[in-house]
PDB file of N, CA and C in Angstrom:
ATOM      1  N   MET A   1     285.580-125.075 195.719  1.00  0.00           N
ATOM      2  CA  MET A   1     284.485-125.776 196.330  1.00  0.00           C
ATOM      3  C   MET A   1     284.838-127.265 196.322  1.00  0.00           C
ATOM      4  N   ASN A   2     284.635-127.900 197.478  1.00  0.00           N
ATOM      5  CA  ASN A   2     284.993-129.315 197.566  1.00  0.00           C
ATOM      6  C   ASN A   2     283.869-130.203 197.059  1.00  0.00           C
ATOM      7  N   ASN A   3     284.155-131.518 196.921  1.00  0.00           N
ATOM      8  CA  ASN A   3     283.186-132.442 196.350  1.00  0.00           C
ATOM      9  C   ASN A   3     281.922-132.570 197.188  1.00  0.00           C
ATOM     10  N   ASN A   4     282.065-132.529 198.517  1.00  0.00           N
ATOM     11  CA  ASN A   4     280.874-132.615 199.375  1.00  0.00           C
ATOM     12  C   ASN A   4     279.946-131.444 199.155  1.00  0.00           C
ATOM     13  N   GLN A   5     280.518-130.249 199.010  1.00  0.00           N
ATOM     14  CA  GLN A   5     279.694-129.077 198.754  1.00  0.00           C
ATOM     15  C   GLN A   5     279.012-129.169 197.402  1.00  0.00           C
ATOM     16  N   LEU A   6     279.744-129.657 196.404  1.00  0.00           N
ATOM     17  CA  LEU A   6     279.152-129.790 195.081  1.00  0.00           C
ATOM     18  C   LEU A   6     278.009-130.804 195.095  1.00  0.00           C
ATOM     19  N   LYS A   7     278.200-131.893 195.792  1.00  0.00           N
ATOM     20  CA  LYS A   7     277.121-132.902 195.928  1.00  0.00           C
ATOM     21  C   LYS A   7     275.903-132.304 196.644  1.00  0.00           C
ATOM     22  N   HIS A   8     276.173-131.503 197.672  1.00  0.00           N
ATOM     23  CA  HIS A   8     275.061-130.856 198.419  1.00  0.00           C
ATOM     24  C   HIS A   8     274.246-129.961 197.487  1.00  0.00           C
ATOM     25  N   PHE A   9     274.920-129.130 196.718  1.00  0.00           N
ATOM     26  CA  PHE A   9     274.176-128.218 195.822  1.00  0.00           C
ATOM     27  C   PHE A   9     273.517-128.970 194.672  1.00  0.00           C
ATOM     28  N   LYS A  10     274.158-130.021 194.186  1.00  0.00           N
ATOM     29  CA  LYS A  10     273.556-130.840 193.149  1.00  0.00           C
ATOM     30  C   LYS A  10     272.244-131.446 193.637  1.00  0.00           C
ATOM     31  N   LYS A  11     272.255-131.944 194.864  1.00  0.00           N
ATOM     32  CA  LYS A  11     271.038-132.536 195.446  1.00  0.00           C
ATOM     33  C   LYS A  11     269.944-131.478 195.570  1.00  0.00           C
ATOM     34  N   ILE A  12     270.300-130.280 196.019  1.00  0.00           N
ATOM     35  CA  ILE A  12     269.302-129.200 196.143  1.00  0.00           C
ATOM     36  C   ILE A  12     268.714-128.863 194.772  1.00  0.00           C
ATOM     37  N   LEU A  13     269.605-128.688 193.771  1.00  0.00           N
ATOM     38  CA  LEU A  13     269.146-128.295 192.460  1.00  0.00           C
ATOM     39  C   LEU A  13     268.301-129.371 191.783  1.00  0.00           C
ATOM     40  N   GLU A  14     268.704-130.637 191.927  1.00  0.00           N
ATOM     41  CA  GLU A  14     267.904-131.720 191.322  1.00  0.00           C
ATOM     42  C   GLU A  14     266.541-131.830 191.991  1.00  0.00           C
ATOM     43  N   SER A  15     266.476-131.644 193.284  1.00  0.00           N
ATOM     44  CA  SER A  15     265.206-131.703 194.002  1.00  0.00           C
ATOM     45  C   SER A  15     264.283-130.570 193.521  1.00  0.00           C
ATOM     46  N   TRP A  16     264.858-129.383 193.391  1.00  0.00           N
ATOM     47  CA  TRP A  16     264.124-128.228 192.934  1.00  0.00           C
ATOM     48  C   TRP A  16     263.590-128.443 191.509  1.00  0.00           C
ATOM     49  N   LYS A  17     264.452-128.999 190.670  1.00  0.00           N
ATOM     50  CA  LYS A  17     264.110-129.276 189.281  1.00  0.00           C
ATOM     51  C   LYS A  17     262.954-130.276 189.212  1.00  0.00           C
ATOM     52  N   ASN A  18     263.045-131.356 189.990  1.00  0.00           N
ATOM     53  CA  ASN A  18     261.970-132.371 189.979  1.00  0.00           C
ATOM     54  C   ASN A  18     260.650-131.782 190.460  1.00  0.00           C
ATOM     55  N   GLN A  19     260.714-130.933 191.459  1.00  0.00           N
ATOM     56  CA  GLN A  19     259.494-130.276 191.970  1.00  0.00           C
ATOM     57  C   GLN A  19     258.865-129.395 190.907  1.00  0.00           C
ATOM     58  N   LEU A  20     259.680-128.638 190.187  1.00  0.00           N
ATOM     59  CA  LEU A  20     259.158-127.741 189.142  1.00  0.00           C
ATOM     60  C   LEU A  20     258.538-128.545 188.002  1.00  0.00           C
ATOM     61  N   ILE A  21     259.184-129.645 187.620  1.00  0.00           N
ATOM     62  CA  ILE A  21     258.641-130.494 186.539  1.00  0.00           C
ATOM     63  C   ILE A  21     257.287-131.067 186.943  1.00  0.00           C
ATOM     64  N   LYS A  22     257.142-131.479 188.172  1.00  0.00           N
ATOM     65  CA  LYS A  22     255.861-131.999 188.650  1.00  0.00           C
ATOM     66  C   LYS A  22     254.775-130.923 188.572  1.00  0.00           C
ATOM     67  N   GLU A  23     255.159-129.686 188.961  1.00  0.00           N
ATOM     68  CA  GLU A  23     254.178-128.578 188.898  1.00  0.00           C
ATOM     69  C   GLU A  23     253.764-128.294 187.459  1.00  0.00           C
ATOM     70  N   LEU A  24     254.729-128.357 186.542  1.00  0.00           N
ATOM     71  CA  LEU A  24     254.412-128.120 185.128  1.00  0.00           C
ATOM     72  C   LEU A  24     253.443-129.189 184.628  1.00  0.00           C
ATOM     73  N   ASP A  25     253.689-130.416 184.999  1.00  0.00           N
ATOM     74  CA  ASP A  25     252.784-131.513 184.573  1.00  0.00           C
ATOM     75  C   ASP A  25     251.384-131.289 185.134  1.00  0.00           C
ATOM     76  N   LYS A  26     251.313-130.864 186.405  1.00  0.00           N
ATOM     77  CA  LYS A  26     250.004-130.599 186.994  1.00  0.00           C
ATOM     78  C   LYS A  26     249.255-129.500 186.247  1.00  0.00           C
ATOM     79  N   THR A  27     249.980-128.488 185.833  1.00  0.00           N
ATOM     80  CA  THR A  27     249.352-127.372 185.112  1.00  0.00           C
ATOM     81  C   THR A  27     248.762-127.865 183.783  1.00  0.00           C
ATOM     82  N   ILE A  28     249.494-128.674 183.068  1.00  0.00           N
ATOM     83  CA  ILE A  28     248.976-129.182 181.817  1.00  0.00           C
ATOM     84  C   ILE A  28     247.691-129.964 182.032  1.00  0.00           C
ATOM     85  N   LEU A  29     247.684-130.848 183.005  1.00  0.00           N
ATOM     86  CA  LEU A  29     246.488-131.633 183.296  1.00  0.00           C
ATOM     87  C   LEU A  29     245.342-130.761 183.745  1.00  0.00           C
ATOM     88  N   HIS A  30     245.653-129.784 184.597  1.00  0.00           N
ATOM     89  CA  HIS A  30     244.614-128.887 185.114  1.00  0.00           C
ATOM     90  C   HIS A  30     243.975-128.097 183.975  1.00  0.00           C
ATOM     91  N   MET A  31     244.805-127.597 183.069  1.00  0.00           N
ATOM     92  CA  MET A  31     244.241-126.788 181.984  1.00  0.00           C
ATOM     93  C   MET A  31     243.422-127.635 181.012  1.00  0.00           C
ATOM     94  N   LYS A  32     243.813-128.884 180.816  1.00  0.00           N
ATOM     95  CA  LYS A  32     243.037-129.774 179.957  1.00  0.00           C
ATOM     96  C   LYS A  32     241.683-130.093 180.624  1.00  0.00           C
ATOM     97  N   ASP A  33     241.736-130.372 181.913  1.00  0.00           N
ATOM     98  CA  ASP A  33     240.511-130.763 182.633  1.00  0.00           C
ATOM     99  C   ASP A  33     239.546-129.579 182.813  1.00  0.00           C
ATOM    100  N   GLU A  34     240.094-128.407 183.045  1.00  0.00           N
ATOM    101  CA  GLU A  34     239.268-127.257 183.350  1.00  0.00           C
ATOM    102  C   GLU A  34     238.826-126.463 182.138  1.00  0.00           C
ATOM    103  N   ALA A  35     239.383-126.779 180.968  1.00  0.00           N
ATOM    104  CA  ALA A  35     239.052-126.043 179.774  1.00  0.00           C
ATOM    105  C   ALA A  35     237.579-126.316 179.391  1.00  0.00           C
ATOM    106  N   THR A  36     236.740-125.357 179.652  1.00  0.00           N
ATOM    107  CA  THR A  36     235.321-125.494 179.394  1.00  0.00           C
ATOM    108  C   THR A  36     234.871-124.261 178.583  1.00  0.00           C
ATOM    109  N   ASN A  37     233.998-124.487 177.686  1.00  0.00           N
ATOM    110  CA  ASN A  37     233.470-123.356 176.910  1.00  0.00           C
ATOM    111  C   ASN A  37     232.200-122.853 177.626  1.00  0.00           C
ATOM    112  N   PHE A  38     232.380-121.908 178.517  1.00  0.00           N
ATOM    113  CA  PHE A  38     231.260-121.378 179.265  1.00  0.00           C
ATOM    114  C   PHE A  38     230.378-120.526 178.343  1.00  0.00           C
ATOM    115  N   PRO A  39     229.039-120.626 178.502  1.00  0.00           N
ATOM    116  CA  PRO A  39     228.165-119.821 177.683  1.00  0.00           C
ATOM    117  C   PRO A  39     228.196-118.336 178.099  1.00  0.00           C
ATOM    118  N   ASP A  40     228.464-118.078 179.369  1.00  0.00           N
ATOM    119  CA  ASP A  40     228.503-116.708 179.855  1.00  0.00           C
ATOM    120  C   ASP A  40     229.885-116.093 179.566  1.00  0.00           C
ATOM    121  N   PRO A  41     229.909-114.941 178.881  1.00  0.00           N
ATOM    122  CA  PRO A  41     231.186-114.303 178.550  1.00  0.00           C
ATOM    123  C   PRO A  41     231.990-113.930 179.780  1.00  0.00           C
ATOM    124  N   ASN A  42     231.334-113.614 180.883  1.00  0.00           N
ATOM    125  CA  ASN A  42     232.089-113.269 182.100  1.00  0.00           C
ATOM    126  C   ASN A  42     232.807-114.488 182.666  1.00  0.00           C
ATOM    127  N   ASP A  43     232.119-115.643 182.608  1.00  0.00           N
ATOM    128  CA  ASP A  43     232.779-116.874 183.077  1.00  0.00           C
ATOM    129  C   ASP A  43     233.982-117.219 182.206  1.00  0.00           C
ATOM    130  N   ARG A  44     233.796-117.055 180.898  1.00  0.00           N
ATOM    131  CA  ARG A  44     234.928-117.332 179.974  1.00  0.00           C
ATOM    132  C   ARG A  44     236.081-116.384 180.232  1.00  0.00           C
ATOM    133  N   ALA A  45     235.797-115.119 180.468  1.00  0.00           N
ATOM    134  CA  ALA A  45     236.843-114.154 180.726  1.00  0.00           C
ATOM    135  C   ALA A  45     237.580-114.463 182.025  1.00  0.00           C
ATOM    136  N   THR A  46     236.827-114.867 183.029  1.00  0.00           N
ATOM    137  CA  THR A  46     237.438-115.244 184.311  1.00  0.00           C
ATOM    138  C   THR A  46     238.383-116.447 184.102  1.00  0.00           C
ATOM    139  N   GLN A  47     237.897-117.428 183.388  1.00  0.00           N
ATOM    140  CA  GLN A  47     238.722-118.622 183.145  1.00  0.00           C
ATOM    141  C   GLN A  47     239.983-118.260 182.370  1.00  0.00           C
ATOM    142  N   GLU A  48     239.836-117.433 181.343  1.00  0.00           N
ATOM    143  CA  GLU A  48     240.995-117.027 180.502  1.00  0.00           C
ATOM    144  C   GLU A  48     242.010-116.257 181.349  1.00  0.00           C
ATOM    145  N   SER A  49     241.493-115.398 182.235  1.00  0.00           N
ATOM    146  CA  SER A  49     242.367-114.626 183.120  1.00  0.00           C
ATOM    147  C   SER A  49     243.142-115.538 184.047  1.00  0.00           C
ATOM    148  N   GLU A  50     242.440-116.534 184.627  1.00  0.00           N
ATOM    149  CA  GLU A  50     243.112-117.502 185.520  1.00  0.00           C
ATOM    150  C   GLU A  50     244.159-118.293 184.749  1.00  0.00           C
ATOM    151  N   PHE A  51     243.824-118.745 183.546  1.00  0.00           N
ATOM    152  CA  PHE A  51     244.787-119.503 182.758  1.00  0.00           C
ATOM    153  C   PHE A  51     246.002-118.626 182.400  1.00  0.00           C
ATOM    154  N   GLY A  52     245.740-117.365 182.109  1.00  0.00           N
ATOM    155  CA  GLY A  52     246.843-116.444 181.800  1.00  0.00           C
ATOM    156  C   GLY A  52     247.796-116.277 182.952  1.00  0.00           C
ATOM    157  N   LEU A  53     247.259-116.125 184.161  1.00  0.00           N
ATOM    158  CA  LEU A  53     248.114-116.016 185.350  1.00  0.00           C
ATOM    159  C   LEU A  53     248.920-117.322 185.566  1.00  0.00           C
ATOM    160  N   GLU A  54     248.259-118.431 185.374  1.00  0.00           N
ATOM    161  CA  GLU A  54     248.937-119.703 185.576  1.00  0.00           C
ATOM    162  C   GLU A  54     250.047-119.871 184.520  1.00  0.00           C
ATOM    163  N   LEU A  55     249.777-119.501 183.292  1.00  0.00           N
ATOM    164  CA  LEU A  55     250.785-119.645 182.242  1.00  0.00           C
ATOM    165  C   LEU A  55     251.971-118.727 182.496  1.00  0.00           C
ATOM    166  N   ARG A  56     251.737-117.532 183.015  1.00  0.00           N
ATOM    167  CA  ARG A  56     252.842-116.632 183.313  1.00  0.00           C
ATOM    168  C   ARG A  56     253.714-117.204 184.413  1.00  0.00           C
ATOM    169  N   ALA A  57     253.064-117.783 185.436  1.00  0.00           N
ATOM    170  CA  ALA A  57     253.825-118.414 186.512  1.00  0.00           C
ATOM    171  C   ALA A  57     254.642-119.563 185.972  1.00  0.00           C
ATOM    172  N   ARG A  58     254.071-120.381 185.125  1.00  0.00           N
ATOM    173  CA  ARG A  58     254.800-121.505 184.542  1.00  0.00           C
ATOM    174  C   ARG A  58     255.928-121.050 183.629  1.00  0.00           C
ATOM    175  N   ASP A  59     255.747-119.927 182.977  1.00  0.00           N
ATOM    176  CA  ASP A  59     256.829-119.381 182.143  1.00  0.00           C
ATOM    177  C   ASP A  59     258.033-118.992 182.980  1.00  0.00           C
ATOM    178  N   ARG A  60     257.750-118.381 184.136  1.00  0.00           N
ATOM    179  CA  ARG A  60     258.858-118.051 185.057  1.00  0.00           C
ATOM    180  C   ARG A  60     259.541-119.305 185.536  1.00  0.00           C
ATOM    181  N   GLU A  61     258.753-120.362 185.797  1.00  0.00           N
ATOM    182  CA  GLU A  61     259.342-121.612 186.252  1.00  0.00           C
ATOM    183  C   GLU A  61     260.144-122.265 185.133  1.00  0.00           C
ATOM    184  N   ARG A  62     259.723-122.128 183.917  1.00  0.00           N
ATOM    185  CA  ARG A  62     260.467-122.664 182.767  1.00  0.00           C
ATOM    186  C   ARG A  62     261.843-121.979 182.669  1.00  0.00           C
ATOM    187  N   LYS A  63     261.866-120.670 182.852  1.00  0.00           N
ATOM    188  CA  LYS A  63     263.128-119.956 182.845  1.00  0.00           C
ATOM    189  C   LYS A  63     263.997-120.381 184.004  1.00  0.00           C
ATOM    190  N   LEU A  64     263.406-120.619 185.149  1.00  0.00           N
ATOM    191  CA  LEU A  64     264.152-121.088 186.288  1.00  0.00           C
ATOM    192  C   LEU A  64     264.729-122.483 186.040  1.00  0.00           C
ATOM    193  N   LEU A  65     263.980-123.333 185.354  1.00  0.00           N
ATOM    194  CA  LEU A  65     264.485-124.650 184.982  1.00  0.00           C
ATOM    195  C   LEU A  65     265.743-124.541 184.124  1.00  0.00           C
ATOM    196  N   ARG A  66     265.754-123.575 183.207  1.00  0.00           N
ATOM    197  CA  ARG A  66     266.925-123.357 182.381  1.00  0.00           C
ATOM    198  C   ARG A  66     268.133-122.994 183.267  1.00  0.00           C
ATOM    199  N   LYS A  67     267.910-122.133 184.233  1.00  0.00           N
ATOM    200  CA  LYS A  67     268.983-121.712 185.147  1.00  0.00           C
ATOM    201  C   LYS A  67     269.474-122.903 185.989  1.00  0.00           C
ATOM    202  N   ILE A  68     268.513-123.739 186.431  1.00  0.00           N
ATOM    203  CA  ILE A  68     268.893-124.916 187.210  1.00  0.00           C
ATOM    204  C   ILE A  68     269.737-125.859 186.370  1.00  0.00           C
ATOM    205  N   ASN A  69     269.320-126.117 185.129  1.00  0.00           N
ATOM    206  CA  ASN A  69     270.101-126.988 184.241  1.00  0.00           C
ATOM    207  C   ASN A  69     271.500-126.419 183.980  1.00  0.00           C
ATOM    208  N   SER A  70     271.565-125.115 183.852  1.00  0.00           N
ATOM    209  CA  SER A  70     272.868-124.478 183.657  1.00  0.00           C
ATOM    210  C   SER A  70     273.745-124.652 184.898  1.00  0.00           C
ATOM    211  N   ALA A  71     273.149-124.489 186.070  1.00  0.00           N
ATOM    212  CA  ALA A  71     273.909-124.699 187.331  1.00  0.00           C
ATOM    213  C   ALA A  71     274.390-126.128 187.462  1.00  0.00           C
ATOM    214  N   LEU A  72     273.512-127.081 187.095  1.00  0.00           N
ATOM    215  CA  LEU A  72     273.933-128.511 187.149  1.00  0.00           C
ATOM    216  C   LEU A  72     275.085-128.768 186.177  1.00  0.00           C
ATOM    217  N   GLY A  73     275.051-128.114 185.042  1.00  0.00           N
ATOM    218  CA  GLY A  73     276.166-128.222 184.091  1.00  0.00           C
ATOM    219  C   GLY A  73     277.449-127.673 184.657  1.00  0.00           C
ATOM    220  N   ARG A  74     277.346-126.529 185.373  1.00  0.00           N
ATOM    221  CA  ARG A  74     278.544-125.953 185.988  1.00  0.00           C
ATOM    222  C   ARG A  74     279.068-126.856 187.104  1.00  0.00           C
ATOM    223  N   ILE A  75     278.193-127.562 187.792  1.00  0.00           N
ATOM    224  CA  ILE A  75     278.648-128.508 188.806  1.00  0.00           C
ATOM    225  C   ILE A  75     279.453-129.623 188.141  1.00  0.00           C
ATOM    226  N   GLU A  76     278.955-130.106 187.019  1.00  0.00           N
ATOM    227  CA  GLU A  76     279.645-131.199 186.313  1.00  0.00           C
ATOM    228  C   GLU A  76     281.022-130.777 185.816  1.00  0.00           C
ATOM    229  N   ASP A  77     281.144-129.555 185.324  1.00  0.00           N
ATOM    230  CA  ASP A  77     282.453-129.128 184.823  1.00  0.00           C
ATOM    231  C   ASP A  77     283.298-128.389 185.879  1.00  0.00           C
ATOM    232  N   LYS A  78     282.806-128.441 187.129  1.00  0.00           N
ATOM    233  CA  LYS A  78     283.541-127.907 188.298  1.00  0.00           C
ATOM    234  C   LYS A  78     283.720-126.378 188.253  1.00  0.00           C
ATOM    235  N   SER A  79     282.868-125.695 187.517  1.00  0.00           N
ATOM    236  CA  SER A  79     282.924-124.223 187.512  1.00  0.00           C
ATOM    237  C   SER A  79     281.867-123.622 188.386  1.00  0.00           C
ATOM    238  N   TYR A  80     281.075-124.453 189.055  1.00  0.00           N
ATOM    239  CA  TYR A  80     279.984-123.985 189.923  1.00  0.00           C
ATOM    240  C   TYR A  80     280.569-123.282 191.123  1.00  0.00           C
ATOM    241  N   GLY A  81     279.952-122.165 191.510  1.00  0.00           N
ATOM    242  CA  GLY A  81     280.378-121.463 192.697  1.00  0.00           C
ATOM    243  C   GLY A  81     281.396-120.347 192.439  1.00  0.00           C
ATOM    244  N   TYR A  82     281.641-120.069 191.150  1.00  0.00           N
ATOM    245  CA  TYR A  82     282.567-119.017 190.798  1.00  0.00           C
ATOM    246  C   TYR A  82     281.834-117.969 189.966  1.00  0.00           C
ATOM    247  N   CYS A  83     282.133-116.712 190.254  1.00  0.00           N
ATOM    248  CA  CYS A  83     281.480-115.564 189.617  1.00  0.00           C
ATOM    249  C   CYS A  83     281.818-115.537 188.117  1.00  0.00           C
ATOM    250  N   ASP A  84     280.787-115.337 187.284  1.00  0.00           N
ATOM    251  CA  ASP A  84     280.991-115.229 185.858  1.00  0.00           C
ATOM    252  C   ASP A  84     281.766-113.992 185.473  1.00  0.00           C
ATOM    253  N   GLN A  85     281.650-112.928 186.226  1.00  0.00           N
ATOM    254  CA  GLN A  85     282.324-111.657 185.876  1.00  0.00           C
ATOM    255  C   GLN A  85     283.729-111.588 186.424  1.00  0.00           C
ATOM    256  N   THR A  86     283.886-111.944 187.699  1.00  0.00           N
ATOM    257  CA  THR A  86     285.201-111.721 188.344  1.00  0.00           C
ATOM    258  C   THR A  86     286.011-112.996 188.498  1.00  0.00           C
ATOM    259  N   GLY A  87     285.387-114.147 188.440  1.00  0.00           N
ATOM    260  CA  GLY A  87     286.101-115.399 188.666  1.00  0.00           C
ATOM    261  C   GLY A  87     286.289-115.718 190.152  1.00  0.00           C
ATOM    262  N   ASP A  88     285.887-114.816 191.035  1.00  0.00           N
ATOM    263  CA  ASP A  88     285.993-115.046 192.468  1.00  0.00           C
ATOM    264  C   ASP A  88     284.946-116.046 192.912  1.00  0.00           C
ATOM    265  N   GLU A  89     285.190-116.651 194.070  1.00  0.00           N
ATOM    266  CA  GLU A  89     284.219-117.577 194.610  1.00  0.00           C
ATOM    267  C   GLU A  89     282.945-116.841 195.030  1.00  0.00           C
ATOM    268  N   ILE A  90     281.815-117.488 194.768  1.00  0.00           N
ATOM    269  CA  ILE A  90     280.536-116.958 195.262  1.00  0.00           C
ATOM    270  C   ILE A  90     280.386-117.528 196.659  1.00  0.00           C
ATOM    271  N   GLY A  91     280.013-116.721 197.602  1.00  0.00           N
ATOM    272  CA  GLY A  91     279.883-117.176 198.995  1.00  0.00           C
ATOM    273  C   GLY A  91     278.884-118.301 199.157  1.00  0.00           C
ATOM    274  N   LEU A  92     279.174-119.180 200.077  1.00  0.00           N
ATOM    275  CA  LEU A  92     278.295-120.320 200.340  1.00  0.00           C
ATOM    276  C   LEU A  92     276.934-119.855 200.829  1.00  0.00           C
ATOM    277  N   ARG A  93     276.898-118.832 201.625  1.00  0.00           N
ATOM    278  CA  ARG A  93     275.613-118.314 202.087  1.00  0.00           C
ATOM    279  C   ARG A  93     274.768-117.818 200.941  1.00  0.00           C
ATOM    280  N   ARG A  94     275.392-117.175 199.977  1.00  0.00           N
ATOM    281  CA  ARG A  94     274.637-116.711 198.772  1.00  0.00           C
ATOM    282  C   ARG A  94     274.138-117.898 197.983  1.00  0.00           C
ATOM    283  N   LEU A  95     274.969-118.917 197.826  1.00  0.00           N
ATOM    284  CA  LEU A  95     274.554-120.111 197.067  1.00  0.00           C
ATOM    285  C   LEU A  95     273.440-120.869 197.794  1.00  0.00           C
ATOM    286  N   GLU A  96     273.483-120.869 199.102  1.00  0.00           N
ATOM    287  CA  GLU A  96     272.406-121.513 199.855  1.00  0.00           C
ATOM    288  C   GLU A  96     271.090-120.760 199.595  1.00  0.00           C
ATOM    289  N   ALA A  97     271.187-119.456 199.569  1.00  0.00           N
ATOM    290  CA  ALA A  97     269.978-118.628 199.356  1.00  0.00           C
ATOM    291  C   ALA A  97     269.509-118.681 197.909  1.00  0.00           C
ATOM    292  N   ARG A  98     270.460-118.719 196.981  1.00  0.00           N
ATOM    293  CA  ARG A  98     270.127-118.697 195.523  1.00  0.00           C
ATOM    294  C   ARG A  98     271.090-119.678 194.828  1.00  0.00           C
ATOM    295  N   PRO A  99     270.770-120.957 194.806  1.00  0.00           N
ATOM    296  CA  PRO A  99     271.669-121.962 194.252  1.00  0.00           C
ATOM    297  C   PRO A  99     271.994-121.776 192.759  1.00  0.00           C
ATOM    298  N   VAL A 100     271.214-121.008 192.039  1.00  0.00           N
ATOM    299  CA  VAL A 100     271.466-120.774 190.612  1.00  0.00           C
ATOM    300  C   VAL A 100     272.285-119.507 190.387  1.00  0.00           C
ATOM    301  N   ALA A 101     272.765-118.867 191.424  1.00  0.00           N
ATOM    302  CA  ALA A 101     273.532-117.624 191.295  1.00  0.00           C
ATOM    303  C   ALA A 101     274.762-117.831 190.441  1.00  0.00           C
ATOM    304  N   THR A 102     275.025-116.857 189.556  1.00  0.00           N
ATOM    305  CA  THR A 102     276.204-116.899 188.713  1.00  0.00           C
ATOM    306  C   THR A 102     277.154-115.724 189.020  1.00  0.00           C
ATOM    307  N   LEU A 103     276.696-114.843 189.873  1.00  0.00           N
ATOM    308  CA  LEU A 103     277.520-113.677 190.208  1.00  0.00           C
ATOM    309  C   LEU A 103     277.741-113.617 191.703  1.00  0.00           C
ATOM    310  N   SER A 104     278.897-113.129 192.126  1.00  0.00           N
ATOM    311  CA  SER A 104     279.139-112.890 193.521  1.00  0.00           C
ATOM    312  C   SER A 104     278.247-111.747 193.982  1.00  0.00           C
ATOM    313  N   LEU A 105     278.121-111.632 195.277  1.00  0.00           N
ATOM    314  CA  LEU A 105     277.244-110.576 195.815  1.00  0.00           C
ATOM    315  C   LEU A 105     277.675-109.189 195.328  1.00  0.00           C
ATOM    316  N   GLU A 106     278.961-108.955 195.340  1.00  0.00           N
ATOM    317  CA  GLU A 106     279.482-107.638 194.894  1.00  0.00           C
ATOM    318  C   GLU A 106     279.196-107.404 193.425  1.00  0.00           C
ATOM    319  N   ALA A 107     279.396-108.406 192.593  1.00  0.00           N
ATOM    320  CA  ALA A 107     279.150-108.233 191.146  1.00  0.00           C
ATOM    321  C   ALA A 107     277.659-108.035 190.889  1.00  0.00           C
ATOM    322  N   GLN A 108     276.812-108.741 191.622  1.00  0.00           N
ATOM    323  CA  GLN A 108     275.372-108.572 191.470  1.00  0.00           C
ATOM    324  C   GLN A 108     274.922-107.175 191.894  1.00  0.00           C
ATOM    325  N   GLU A 109     275.512-106.670 192.976  1.00  0.00           N
ATOM    326  CA  GLU A 109     275.172-105.336 193.422  1.00  0.00           C
ATOM    327  C   GLU A 109     275.601-104.295 192.383  1.00  0.00           C
ATOM    328  N   ARG A 110     276.794-104.488 191.796  1.00  0.00           N
ATOM    329  CA  ARG A 110     277.234-103.544 190.737  1.00  0.00           C
ATOM    330  C   ARG A 110     276.272-103.592 189.542  1.00  0.00           C
ATOM    331  N   ARG A 111     275.850-104.784 189.154  1.00  0.00           N
ATOM    332  CA  ARG A 111     274.949-104.918 188.010  1.00  0.00           C
ATOM    333  C   ARG A 111     273.611-104.230 188.316  1.00  0.00           C
ATOM    334  N   GLU A 112     273.086-104.418 189.496  1.00  0.00           N
ATOM    335  CA  GLU A 112     271.800-103.800 189.840  1.00  0.00           C
ATOM    336  C   GLU A 112     271.931-102.274 189.894  1.00  0.00           C
ATOM    337  N   LEU A 113     273.058-101.785 190.395  1.00  0.00           N
ATOM    338  CA  LEU A 113     273.273-100.334 190.432  1.00  0.00           C
ATOM    339  C   LEU A 113     273.354 -99.776 189.022  1.00  0.00           C
ATOM    340  N   GLN A 114     274.072-100.459 188.153  1.00  0.00           N
ATOM    341  CA  GLN A 114     274.159 -99.993 186.748  1.00  0.00           C
ATOM    342  C   GLN A 114     272.778 -99.997 186.083  1.00  0.00           C
ATOM    343  N   GLU A 115     272.020-101.042 186.310  1.00  0.00           N
ATOM    344  CA  GLU A 115     270.669-101.092 185.732  1.00  0.00           C
ATOM    345  C   GLU A 115     269.810 -99.963 186.237  1.00  0.00           C
ATOM    346  N   LYS A 116     269.942 -99.658 187.509  1.00  0.00           N
ATOM    347  CA  LYS A 116     269.144 -98.582 188.089  1.00  0.00           C
ATOM    348  C   LYS A 116     269.585 -97.234 187.490  1.00  0.00           C
ATOM    349  N   GLN A 117     270.888 -97.043 187.351  1.00  0.00           N
ATOM    350  CA  GLN A 117     271.392 -95.786 186.800  1.00  0.00           C
ATOM    351  C   GLN A 117     270.936 -95.594 185.355  1.00  0.00           C
ATOM    352  N   TYR A 118     271.048 -96.661 184.559  1.00  0.00           N
ATOM    353  CA  TYR A 118     270.643 -96.548 183.161  1.00  0.00           C
ATOM    354  C   TYR A 118     269.134 -96.337 183.045  1.00  0.00           C
ATOM    355  N   ARG A 119     268.395 -97.048 183.886  1.00  0.00           N
ATOM    356  CA  ARG A 119     266.943 -96.921 183.836  1.00  0.00           C
ATOM    357  C   ARG A 119     266.526 -95.510 184.237  1.00  0.00           C
ATOM    358  N   ASP A 120     267.158 -94.980 185.291  1.00  0.00           N
ATOM    359  CA  ASP A 120     266.790 -93.598 185.745  1.00  0.00           C
ATOM    360  C   ASP A 120     267.140 -92.585 184.701  1.00  0.00           C
ATOM    361  N   SER A 121     268.282 -92.720 184.045  1.00  0.00           N
ATOM    362  CA  SER A 121     268.679 -91.731 183.007  1.00  0.00           C
ATOM    363  C   SER A 121     267.764 -91.866 181.778  1.00  0.00           C
ATOM    364  N   ASP A 122     267.344 -93.076 181.472  1.00  0.00           N
ATOM    365  CA  ASP A 122     266.437 -93.300 180.361  1.00  0.00           C
ATOM    366  C   ASP A 122     265.085 -92.714 180.638  1.00  0.00           C
ATOM    367  N   ASP A 123     264.610 -92.822 181.872  1.00  0.00           N
ATOM    368  CA  ASP A 123     263.325 -92.255 182.249  1.00  0.00           C
ATOM    369  C   ASP A 123     263.311 -90.741 182.173  1.00  0.00           C
ATOM    370  N   TYR A 124     264.463 -90.121 182.329  1.00  0.00           N
ATOM    371  CA  TYR A 124     264.546 -88.675 182.288  1.00  0.00           C
ATOM    372  C   TYR A 124     264.092 -88.131 180.958  1.00  0.00           C
ATOM    373  N   TYR A 125     264.308 -88.850 179.879  1.00  0.00           N
ATOM    374  CA  TYR A 125     263.977 -88.378 178.542  1.00  0.00           C
ATOM    375  C   TYR A 125     262.573 -88.741 178.111  1.00  0.00           C
ATOM    376  N   ARG A 126     261.811 -89.384 178.931  1.00  0.00           N
ATOM    377  CA  ARG A 126     260.454 -89.780 178.557  1.00  0.00           C
ATOM    378  C   ARG A 126     259.443 -88.760 178.960  1.00  0.00           C
TER     379      ARG A 126
END
């Protein structure tokens, strides 16, 4: 991968990271502002349910932030764009679609097939 491509993906990843951080900050402020002790148990349950959904979404975003930071680290050490399993280049189209990808399309398909096979065989005994 050439330097221009690395700069392109670094820009995408940093933009994505900044956007996620802003959303996390908004969530914290929203939850502080909206935290009310409603006298009606139904209202409290609704609020708790909404907060739970929001926290699950933010947890997924936190995990994504870890992947973004990892990808930025790989850009710095020039290992970005290479499959962790095979060492082959990850296609540019795949990286455009999923900039945090660590596996080539073929390696990812093999992993998903193995997961499906193990899950199906495991389900057989339940």
